C-alpha atoms as a PDB file:
ATOM      1  CA  MET A   1      67.492 165.536 108.755  1.00  0.00           C
ATOM      2  CA  LEU A   2      68.244 162.040 110.026  1.00  0.00           C
ATOM      3  CA  ARG A   3      68.958 161.393 113.687  1.00  0.00           C
ATOM      4  CA  ASP A   4      70.585 158.401 115.292  1.00  0.00           C
ATOM      5  CA  ARG A   5      67.957 156.159 116.816  1.00  0.00           C
ATOM      6  CA  TYR A   6      68.543 153.428 119.308  1.00  0.00           C
ATOM      7  CA  GLY A   7      66.143 150.547 119.336  1.00  0.00           C
ATOM      8  CA  LEU A   8      64.816 147.446 117.702  1.00  0.00           C
ATOM      9  CA  ILE A   9      62.499 147.076 114.731  1.00  0.00           C
ATOM     10  CA  VAL A  10      60.576 143.935 113.810  1.00  0.00           C
ATOM     11  CA  LEU A  11      59.777 143.393 110.144  1.00  0.00           C
ATOM     12  CA  ASP A  12      57.312 141.000 108.548  1.00  0.00           C
ATOM     13  CA  ILE A  13      59.244 139.602 105.586  1.00  0.00           C
ATOM     14  CA  ALA A  14      56.543 137.260 104.281  1.00  0.00           C
ATOM     15  CA  ASP A  15      56.774 139.256 101.040  1.00  0.00           C
ATOM     16  CA  GLY A  16      60.541 139.750 100.716  1.00  0.00           C
ATOM     17  CA  ALA A  17      60.093 142.508  98.138  1.00  0.00           C
ATOM     18  CA  ARG A  18      57.892 144.497 100.528  1.00  0.00           C
ATOM     19  CA  PRO A  19      58.898 144.146 104.193  1.00  0.00           C
ATOM     20  CA  VAL A  20      56.417 145.672 106.624  1.00  0.00           C
ATOM     21  CA  GLU A  21      57.299 147.113 110.022  1.00  0.00           C
ATOM     22  CA  VAL A  22      55.137 145.428 112.657  1.00  0.00           C
ATOM     23  CA  SER A  23      56.754 146.653 115.875  1.00  0.00           C
ATOM     24  CA  ARG A  24      59.300 149.199 117.082  1.00  0.00           C
ATOM     25  CA  LEU A  25      60.973 149.750 120.439  1.00  0.00           C
ATOM     26  CA  THR A  26      63.035 152.870 121.116  1.00  0.00           C
ATOM     27  CA  ILE A  27      65.624 152.368 123.844  1.00  0.00           C
ATOM     28  CA  SER A  28      68.172 154.485 125.696  1.00  0.00           C
ATOM     29  CA  GLN A  29      71.617 155.171 124.240  1.00  0.00           C
ATOM     30  CA  ARG A  30      72.981 153.681 127.461  1.00  0.00           C
ATOM     31  CA  PHE A  31      71.449 150.241 126.818  1.00  0.00           C
ATOM     32  CA  PHE A  32      73.849 147.833 125.105  1.00  0.00           C
ATOM     33  CA  PRO A  33      72.080 144.605 124.110  1.00  0.00           C
ATOM     34  CA  HIS A  34      73.988 141.397 124.668  1.00  0.00           C
ATOM     35  CA  TRP A  35      71.716 139.123 122.693  1.00  0.00           C
ATOM     36  CA  THR A  36      68.191 138.834 121.340  1.00  0.00           C
ATOM     37  CA  ALA A  37      66.039 135.741 121.210  1.00  0.00           C
ATOM     38  CA  TRP A  38      62.644 134.651 119.942  1.00  0.00           C
ATOM     39  CA  ASP A  39      60.140 133.387 122.528  1.00  0.00           C
ATOM     40  CA  PRO A  40      57.931 130.843 120.728  1.00  0.00           C
ATOM     41  CA  GLN A  41      55.319 130.836 123.500  1.00  0.00           C
ATOM     42  CA  THR A  42      54.621 134.571 123.492  1.00  0.00           C
ATOM     43  CA  HIS A  43      55.744 135.231 119.889  1.00  0.00           C
ATOM     44  CA  ARG A  44      57.978 138.070 121.066  1.00  0.00           C
ATOM     45  CA  LEU A  45      61.620 139.060 120.792  1.00  0.00           C
ATOM     46  CA  VAL A  46      63.620 139.503 123.975  1.00  0.00           C
ATOM     47  CA  ALA A  47      66.762 141.651 124.362  1.00  0.00           C
ATOM     48  CA  THR A  48      68.999 141.480 127.434  1.00  0.00           C
ATOM     49  CA  PRO A  49      71.757 143.909 128.509  1.00  0.00           C
ATOM     50  CA  ASP A  50      75.509 143.469 128.216  1.00  0.00           C
ATOM     51  CA  SER A  51      76.156 144.744 131.740  1.00  0.00           C
ATOM     52  CA  LYS A  52      75.900 143.260 135.220  1.00  0.00           C
ATOM     53  CA  ASP A  53      74.775 146.676 136.468  1.00  0.00           C
ATOM     54  CA  ASP A  54      71.820 146.852 134.069  1.00  0.00           C
ATOM     55  CA  ASN A  55      68.821 144.708 134.965  1.00  0.00           C
ATOM     56  CA  ARG A  56      66.473 145.771 132.168  1.00  0.00           C
ATOM     57  CA  LEU A  57      64.942 143.248 129.798  1.00  0.00           C
ATOM     58  CA  TYR A  58      63.082 144.377 126.700  1.00  0.00           C
ATOM     59  CA  ARG A  59      60.320 142.418 124.975  1.00  0.00           C
ATOM     60  CA  LEU A  60      58.983 143.310 121.573  1.00  0.00           C
END
């Protein structure tokens, strides 16, 4: 049985025929990301919320 999952997955696509999952972040159903960005200094993805009332920031 498949369930809905809320989150972000990072894939290594160096070999396009065989992508490999390298990181996963499960988040709340109440978090609505506004945008994601790559941080070249830390080599992480960042996701920010789409709400003024939500002050969470997720890094992957």
